[in-house]
Amino acid sequence: MGVNYEQYKREYKIVDHSNSTSMRYSNPETEDFKETHKDKDWKLEMMNVEINKLGHEGWEMVGINGNNEIYFKRKVQ
């Protein structure tokens, strides 16, 4: 009684998290974010916010490499 995985199509996405611009933040938004998170590693916090947004959209993280790329997949109906 296993799941038939072939019934699901998947889409894939590679996200570059090397800097705030690649995560779709403008310079003013980045400066505001830095100020709000000045007691933490703001870049790590920003990356976590973006990963969580993708998770809410149904994306599942499947890998990360040393070149600041995160790989995601999600089911397509």
PDB file of N, CA and C in Angstrom:
ATOM      1  N   MET A   1       0.813  -1.186   0.000  1.00  0.00           N
ATOM      2  CA  MET A   1       0.000   0.000   0.000  1.00  0.00           C
ATOM      3  C   MET A   1       0.863   1.258   0.000  1.00  0.00           C
ATOM      4  N   GLY A   2       1.837   1.308  -0.869  1.00  0.00           N
ATOM      5  CA  GLY A   2       2.707   2.472  -0.952  1.00  0.00           C
ATOM      6  C   GLY A   2       2.093   3.568  -1.795  1.00  0.00           C
ATOM      7  N   VAL A   3       2.717   4.692  -1.779  1.00  0.00           N
ATOM      8  CA  VAL A   3       2.271   5.840  -2.563  1.00  0.00           C
ATOM      9  C   VAL A   3       2.835   5.709  -3.968  1.00  0.00           C
ATOM     10  N   ASN A   4       2.020   5.937  -4.952  1.00  0.00           N
ATOM     11  CA  ASN A   4       2.473   5.913  -6.337  1.00  0.00           C
ATOM     12  C   ASN A   4       3.041   7.289  -6.676  1.00  0.00           C
ATOM     13  N   TYR A   5       4.342   7.412  -6.617  1.00  0.00           N
ATOM     14  CA  TYR A   5       4.990   8.709  -6.812  1.00  0.00           C
ATOM     15  C   TYR A   5       4.914   9.182  -8.258  1.00  0.00           C
ATOM     16  N   GLU A   6       4.663   8.279  -9.189  1.00  0.00           N
ATOM     17  CA  GLU A   6       4.583   8.677 -10.585  1.00  0.00           C
ATOM     18  C   GLU A   6       3.343   9.509 -10.878  1.00  0.00           C
ATOM     19  N   GLN A   7       2.355   9.484  -9.988  1.00  0.00           N
ATOM     20  CA  GLN A   7       1.146  10.269 -10.216  1.00  0.00           C
ATOM     21  C   GLN A   7       1.369  11.760  -9.966  1.00  0.00           C
ATOM     22  N   TYR A   8       2.487  12.102  -9.341  1.00  0.00           N
ATOM     23  CA  TYR A   8       2.802  13.507  -9.058  1.00  0.00           C
ATOM     24  C   TYR A   8       3.867  14.020 -10.019  1.00  0.00           C
ATOM     25  N   LYS A   9       3.599  15.146 -10.608  1.00  0.00           N
ATOM     26  CA  LYS A   9       4.635  15.829 -11.369  1.00  0.00           C
ATOM     27  C   LYS A   9       5.288  16.797 -10.408  1.00  0.00           C
ATOM     28  N   ARG A  10       6.535  17.078 -10.626  1.00  0.00           N
ATOM     29  CA  ARG A  10       7.275  17.985  -9.750  1.00  0.00           C
ATOM     30  C   ARG A  10       7.897  19.106 -10.574  1.00  0.00           C
ATOM     31  N   GLU A  11       8.028  20.231  -9.927  1.00  0.00           N
ATOM     32  CA  GLU A  11       8.802  21.320 -10.521  1.00  0.00           C
ATOM     33  C   GLU A  11       9.975  21.594  -9.598  1.00  0.00           C
ATOM     34  N   TYR A  12      11.010  22.128 -10.164  1.00  0.00           N
ATOM     35  CA  TYR A  12      12.254  22.336  -9.428  1.00  0.00           C
ATOM     36  C   TYR A  12      12.691  23.786  -9.540  1.00  0.00           C
ATOM     37  N   LYS A  13      13.423  24.233  -8.528  1.00  0.00           N
ATOM     38  CA  LYS A  13      13.880  25.622  -8.485  1.00  0.00           C
ATOM     39  C   LYS A  13      15.244  25.657  -7.821  1.00  0.00           C
ATOM     40  N   ILE A  14      16.126  26.487  -8.351  1.00  0.00           N
ATOM     41  CA  ILE A  14      17.421  26.756  -7.722  1.00  0.00           C
ATOM     42  C   ILE A  14      17.396  28.205  -7.271  1.00  0.00           C
ATOM     43  N   VAL A  15      17.672  28.421  -5.983  1.00  0.00           N
ATOM     44  CA  VAL A  15      17.644  29.766  -5.408  1.00  0.00           C
ATOM     45  C   VAL A  15      19.054  30.172  -5.018  1.00  0.00           C
ATOM     46  N   ASP A  16      19.475  31.335  -5.469  1.00  0.00           N
ATOM     47  CA  ASP A  16      20.772  31.908  -5.121  1.00  0.00           C
ATOM     48  C   ASP A  16      20.578  32.769  -3.878  1.00  0.00           C
ATOM     49  N   HIS A  17      21.255  32.425  -2.804  1.00  0.00           N
ATOM     50  CA  HIS A  17      21.126  33.211  -1.570  1.00  0.00           C
ATOM     51  C   HIS A  17      22.434  33.905  -1.211  1.00  0.00           C
ATOM     52  N   SER A  18      23.214  34.241  -2.231  1.00  0.00           N
ATOM     53  CA  SER A  18      24.534  34.833  -1.989  1.00  0.00           C
ATOM     54  C   SER A  18      24.461  36.272  -1.486  1.00  0.00           C
ATOM     55  N   ASN A  19      23.387  36.983  -1.812  1.00  0.00           N
ATOM     56  CA  ASN A  19      23.257  38.361  -1.323  1.00  0.00           C
ATOM     57  C   ASN A  19      21.788  38.757  -1.302  1.00  0.00           C
ATOM     58  N   SER A  20      21.501  39.893  -0.698  1.00  0.00           N
ATOM     59  CA  SER A  20      20.114  40.313  -0.517  1.00  0.00           C
ATOM     60  C   SER A  20      19.415  40.605  -1.844  1.00  0.00           C
ATOM     61  N   THR A  21      20.134  41.098  -2.832  1.00  0.00           N
ATOM     62  CA  THR A  21      19.527  41.396  -4.124  1.00  0.00           C
ATOM     63  C   THR A  21      19.043  40.118  -4.796  1.00  0.00           C
ATOM     64  N   SER A  22      19.835  39.059  -4.702  1.00  0.00           N
ATOM     65  CA  SER A  22      19.419  37.789  -5.306  1.00  0.00           C
ATOM     66  C   SER A  22      18.214  37.197  -4.583  1.00  0.00           C
ATOM     67  N   MET A  23      17.968  37.641  -3.351  1.00  0.00           N
ATOM     68  CA  MET A  23      16.786  37.193  -2.602  1.00  0.00           C
ATOM     69  C   MET A  23      15.626  38.172  -2.762  1.00  0.00           C
ATOM     70  N   ARG A  24      15.720  39.060  -3.755  1.00  0.00           N
ATOM     71  CA  ARG A  24      14.656  40.001  -4.132  1.00  0.00           C
ATOM     72  C   ARG A  24      14.419  41.128  -3.130  1.00  0.00           C
ATOM     73  N   TYR A  25      15.464  41.537  -2.438  1.00  0.00           N
ATOM     74  CA  TYR A  25      15.351  42.680  -1.524  1.00  0.00           C
ATOM     75  C   TYR A  25      15.990  43.894  -2.196  1.00  0.00           C
ATOM     76  N   SER A  26      15.330  45.032  -2.113  1.00  0.00           N
ATOM     77  CA  SER A  26      15.920  46.274  -2.610  1.00  0.00           C
ATOM     78  C   SER A  26      16.955  46.759  -1.591  1.00  0.00           C
ATOM     79  N   ASN A  27      17.753  47.730  -1.966  1.00  0.00           N
ATOM     80  CA  ASN A  27      18.742  48.270  -1.020  1.00  0.00           C
ATOM     81  C   ASN A  27      18.088  48.859   0.230  1.00  0.00           C
ATOM     82  N   PRO A  28      17.022  49.665   0.110  1.00  0.00           N
ATOM     83  CA  PRO A  28      16.372  50.175   1.330  1.00  0.00           C
ATOM     84  C   PRO A  28      15.806  49.044   2.204  1.00  0.00           C
ATOM     85  N   GLU A  29      15.219  48.022   1.571  1.00  0.00           N
ATOM     86  CA  GLU A  29      14.686  46.883   2.343  1.00  0.00           C
ATOM     87  C   GLU A  29      15.812  46.149   3.068  1.00  0.00           C
ATOM     88  N   THR A  30      16.942  46.021   2.403  1.00  0.00           N
ATOM     89  CA  THR A  30      18.094  45.353   3.021  1.00  0.00           C
ATOM     90  C   THR A  30      18.582  46.137   4.228  1.00  0.00           C
ATOM     91  N   GLU A  31      18.687  47.449   4.083  1.00  0.00           N
ATOM     92  CA  GLU A  31      19.148  48.279   5.196  1.00  0.00           C
ATOM     93  C   GLU A  31      18.178  48.209   6.376  1.00  0.00           C
ATOM     94  N   ASP A  32      16.878  48.204   6.093  1.00  0.00           N
ATOM     95  CA  ASP A  32      15.880  48.057   7.158  1.00  0.00           C
ATOM     96  C   ASP A  32      16.022  46.703   7.848  1.00  0.00           C
ATOM     97  N   PHE A  33      16.224  45.661   7.052  1.00  0.00           N
ATOM     98  CA  PHE A  33      16.369  44.310   7.603  1.00  0.00           C
ATOM     99  C   PHE A  33      17.621  44.230   8.484  1.00  0.00           C
ATOM    100  N   LYS A  34      18.712  44.809   8.013  1.00  0.00           N
ATOM    101  CA  LYS A  34      19.960  44.828   8.803  1.00  0.00           C
ATOM    102  C   LYS A  34      19.745  45.517  10.149  1.00  0.00           C
ATOM    103  N   GLU A  35      19.042  46.637  10.129  1.00  0.00           N
ATOM    104  CA  GLU A  35      18.794  47.395  11.358  1.00  0.00           C
ATOM    105  C   GLU A  35      17.923  46.584  12.325  1.00  0.00           C
ATOM    106  N   THR A  36      16.897  45.940  11.788  1.00  0.00           N
ATOM    107  CA  THR A  36      16.000  45.132  12.617  1.00  0.00           C
ATOM    108  C   THR A  36      16.710  43.935  13.237  1.00  0.00           C
ATOM    109  N   HIS A  37      17.682  43.372  12.518  1.00  0.00           N
ATOM    110  CA  HIS A  37      18.369  42.157  12.960  1.00  0.00           C
ATOM    111  C   HIS A  37      19.840  42.429  13.290  1.00  0.00           C
ATOM    112  N   LYS A  38      20.132  43.624  13.796  1.00  0.00           N
ATOM    113  CA  LYS A  38      21.526  44.005  14.035  1.00  0.00           C
ATOM    114  C   LYS A  38      22.219  43.184  15.119  1.00  0.00           C
ATOM    115  N   ASP A  39      21.444  42.525  15.975  1.00  0.00           N
ATOM    116  CA  ASP A  39      22.048  41.712  17.029  1.00  0.00           C
ATOM    117  C   ASP A  39      22.280  40.270  16.587  1.00  0.00           C
ATOM    118  N   LYS A  40      21.976  39.975  15.313  1.00  0.00           N
ATOM    119  CA  LYS A  40      22.126  38.621  14.763  1.00  0.00           C
ATOM    120  C   LYS A  40      22.879  38.687  13.445  1.00  0.00           C
ATOM    121  N   ASP A  41      23.132  37.529  12.877  1.00  0.00           N
ATOM    122  CA  ASP A  41      23.707  37.440  11.534  1.00  0.00           C
ATOM    123  C   ASP A  41      22.572  37.736  10.547  1.00  0.00           C
ATOM    124  N   TRP A  42      22.464  38.982  10.098  1.00  0.00           N
ATOM    125  CA  TRP A  42      21.318  39.419   9.299  1.00  0.00           C
ATOM    126  C   TRP A  42      21.188  38.628   8.001  1.00  0.00           C
ATOM    127  N   LYS A  43      22.316  38.269   7.392  1.00  0.00           N
ATOM    128  CA  LYS A  43      22.251  37.537   6.123  1.00  0.00           C
ATOM    129  C   LYS A  43      21.652  36.139   6.344  1.00  0.00           C
ATOM    130  N   LEU A  44      22.045  35.483   7.423  1.00  0.00           N
ATOM    131  CA  LEU A  44      21.489  34.173   7.755  1.00  0.00           C
ATOM    132  C   LEU A  44      20.006  34.292   8.071  1.00  0.00           C
ATOM    133  N   GLU A  45      19.634  35.332   8.808  1.00  0.00           N
ATOM    134  CA  GLU A  45      18.227  35.562   9.127  1.00  0.00           C
ATOM    135  C   GLU A  45      17.406  35.800   7.853  1.00  0.00           C
ATOM    136  N   MET A  46      17.947  36.573   6.931  1.00  0.00           N
ATOM    137  CA  MET A  46      17.261  36.859   5.679  1.00  0.00           C
ATOM    138  C   MET A  46      17.073  35.573   4.877  1.00  0.00           C
ATOM    139  N   MET A  47      18.113  34.752   4.827  1.00  0.00           N
ATOM    140  CA  MET A  47      18.030  33.481   4.113  1.00  0.00           C
ATOM    141  C   MET A  47      16.946  32.600   4.736  1.00  0.00           C
ATOM    142  N   ASN A  48      16.878  32.541   6.067  1.00  0.00           N
ATOM    143  CA  ASN A  48      15.863  31.731   6.740  1.00  0.00           C
ATOM    144  C   ASN A  48      14.450  32.232   6.453  1.00  0.00           C
ATOM    145  N   VAL A  49      14.270  33.546   6.417  1.00  0.00           N
ATOM    146  CA  VAL A  49      12.964  34.122   6.087  1.00  0.00           C
ATOM    147  C   VAL A  49      12.551  33.677   4.687  1.00  0.00           C
ATOM    148  N   GLU A  50      13.485  33.748   3.740  1.00  0.00           N
ATOM    149  CA  GLU A  50      13.167  33.383   2.361  1.00  0.00           C
ATOM    150  C   GLU A  50      12.889  31.891   2.226  1.00  0.00           C
ATOM    151  N   ILE A  51      13.639  31.048   2.925  1.00  0.00           N
ATOM    152  CA  ILE A  51      13.394  29.602   2.895  1.00  0.00           C
ATOM    153  C   ILE A  51      12.010  29.302   3.464  1.00  0.00           C
ATOM    154  N   ASN A  52      11.636  29.974   4.537  1.00  0.00           N
ATOM    155  CA  ASN A  52      10.310  29.762   5.128  1.00  0.00           C
ATOM    156  C   ASN A  52       9.189  30.207   4.189  1.00  0.00           C
ATOM    157  N   LYS A  53       9.405  31.317   3.467  1.00  0.00           N
ATOM    158  CA  LYS A  53       8.402  31.766   2.491  1.00  0.00           C
ATOM    159  C   LYS A  53       8.185  30.692   1.432  1.00  0.00           C
ATOM    160  N   LEU A  54       9.284  30.133   0.937  1.00  0.00           N
ATOM    161  CA  LEU A  54       9.178  29.087  -0.077  1.00  0.00           C
ATOM    162  C   LEU A  54       8.479  27.852   0.486  1.00  0.00           C
ATOM    163  N   GLY A  55       8.754  27.527   1.733  1.00  0.00           N
ATOM    164  CA  GLY A  55       8.088  26.395   2.376  1.00  0.00           C
ATOM    165  C   GLY A  55       6.587  26.582   2.443  1.00  0.00           C
ATOM    166  N   HIS A  56       6.150  27.802   2.717  1.00  0.00           N
ATOM    167  CA  HIS A  56       4.712  28.093   2.771  1.00  0.00           C
ATOM    168  C   HIS A  56       4.078  28.001   1.389  1.00  0.00           C
ATOM    169  N   GLU A  57       4.886  28.135   0.352  1.00  0.00           N
ATOM    170  CA  GLU A  57       4.391  28.010  -1.022  1.00  0.00           C
ATOM    171  C   GLU A  57       4.454  26.565  -1.515  1.00  0.00           C
ATOM    172  N   GLY A  58       4.850  25.645  -0.634  1.00  0.00           N
ATOM    173  CA  GLY A  58       4.887  24.230  -1.000  1.00  0.00           C
ATOM    174  C   GLY A  58       6.235  23.711  -1.462  1.00  0.00           C
ATOM    175  N   TRP A  59       7.250  24.564  -1.459  1.00  0.00           N
ATOM    176  CA  TRP A  59       8.582  24.130  -1.884  1.00  0.00           C
ATOM    177  C   TRP A  59       9.269  23.368  -0.757  1.00  0.00           C
ATOM    178  N   GLU A  60       9.973  22.313  -1.118  1.00  0.00           N
ATOM    179  CA  GLU A  60      10.717  21.482  -0.179  1.00  0.00           C
ATOM    180  C   GLU A  60      12.203  21.571  -0.528  1.00  0.00           C
ATOM    181  N   MET A  61      13.022  21.908   0.449  1.00  0.00           N
ATOM    182  CA  MET A  61      14.465  21.997   0.202  1.00  0.00           C
ATOM    183  C   MET A  61      15.034  20.595   0.056  1.00  0.00           C
ATOM    184  N   VAL A  62      15.775  20.372  -1.023  1.00  0.00           N
ATOM    185  CA  VAL A  62      16.339  19.046  -1.259  1.00  0.00           C
ATOM    186  C   VAL A  62      17.860  19.049  -1.269  1.00  0.00           C
ATOM    187  N   GLY A  63      18.469  20.216  -1.312  1.00  0.00           N
ATOM    188  CA  GLY A  63      19.923  20.256  -1.302  1.00  0.00           C
ATOM    189  C   GLY A  63      20.468  21.665  -1.243  1.00  0.00           C
ATOM    190  N   ILE A  64      21.732  21.746  -0.911  1.00  0.00           N
ATOM    191  CA  ILE A  64      22.437  23.026  -0.848  1.00  0.00           C
ATOM    192  C   ILE A  64      23.879  22.760  -1.248  1.00  0.00           C
ATOM    193  N   ASN A  65      24.479  23.698  -1.958  1.00  0.00           N
ATOM    194  CA  ASN A  65      25.888  23.514  -2.303  1.00  0.00           C
ATOM    195  C   ASN A  65      26.713  24.692  -1.812  1.00  0.00           C
ATOM    196  N   GLY A  66      27.991  24.610  -1.957  1.00  0.00           N
ATOM    197  CA  GLY A  66      28.894  25.640  -1.467  1.00  0.00           C
ATOM    198  C   GLY A  66      28.901  26.910  -2.286  1.00  0.00           C
ATOM    199  N   ASN A  67      28.158  26.930  -3.373  1.00  0.00           N
ATOM    200  CA  ASN A  67      28.108  28.112  -4.238  1.00  0.00           C
ATOM    201  C   ASN A  67      26.886  28.977  -3.956  1.00  0.00           C
ATOM    202  N   ASN A  68      26.365  28.905  -2.745  1.00  0.00           N
ATOM    203  CA  ASN A  68      25.212  29.717  -2.337  1.00  0.00           C
ATOM    204  C   ASN A  68      23.944  29.383  -3.094  1.00  0.00           C
ATOM    205  N   GLU A  69      23.804  28.145  -3.525  1.00  0.00           N
ATOM    206  CA  GLU A  69      22.596  27.724  -4.219  1.00  0.00           C
ATOM    207  C   GLU A  69      21.848  26.703  -3.369  1.00  0.00           C
ATOM    208  N   ILE A  70      20.519  26.877  -3.305  1.00  0.00           N
ATOM    209  CA  ILE A  70      19.650  25.941  -2.596  1.00  0.00           C
ATOM    210  C   ILE A  70      18.694  25.359  -3.627  1.00  0.00           C
ATOM    211  N   TYR A  71      18.538  24.058  -3.580  1.00  0.00           N
ATOM    212  CA  TYR A  71      17.680  23.347  -4.520  1.00  0.00           C
ATOM    213  C   TYR A  71      16.353  23.003  -3.841  1.00  0.00           C
ATOM    214  N   PHE A  72      15.262  23.263  -4.557  1.00  0.00           N
ATOM    215  CA  PHE A  72      13.915  23.017  -4.041  1.00  0.00           C
ATOM    216  C   PHE A  72      13.110  22.213  -5.063  1.00  0.00           C
ATOM    217  N   LYS A  73      12.083  21.514  -4.563  1.00  0.00           N
ATOM    218  CA  LYS A  73      11.121  20.843  -5.424  1.00  0.00           C
ATOM    219  C   LYS A  73       9.746  20.974  -4.778  1.00  0.00           C
ATOM    220  N   ARG A  74       8.703  20.848  -5.611  1.00  0.00           N
ATOM    221  CA  ARG A  74       7.334  20.799  -5.096  1.00  0.00           C
ATOM    222  C   ARG A  74       6.457  20.053  -6.078  1.00  0.00           C
ATOM    223  N   LYS A  75       5.374  19.504  -5.550  1.00  0.00           N
ATOM    224  CA  LYS A  75       4.421  18.765  -6.361  1.00  0.00           C
ATOM    225  C   LYS A  75       3.609  19.744  -7.196  1.00  0.00           C
ATOM    226  N   VAL A  76       3.285  19.317  -8.395  1.00  0.00           N
ATOM    227  CA  VAL A  76       2.414  20.084  -9.275  1.00  0.00           C
ATOM    228  C   VAL A  76       1.176  19.233  -9.508  1.00  0.00           C
ATOM    229  N   GLN A  77       0.018  19.811  -9.341  1.00  0.00           N
ATOM    230  CA  GLN A  77      -1.232  19.065  -9.524  1.00  0.00           C
ATOM    231  C   GLN A  77      -1.593  18.991 -10.982  1.00  0.00           C
TER     232      GLN A  77
END
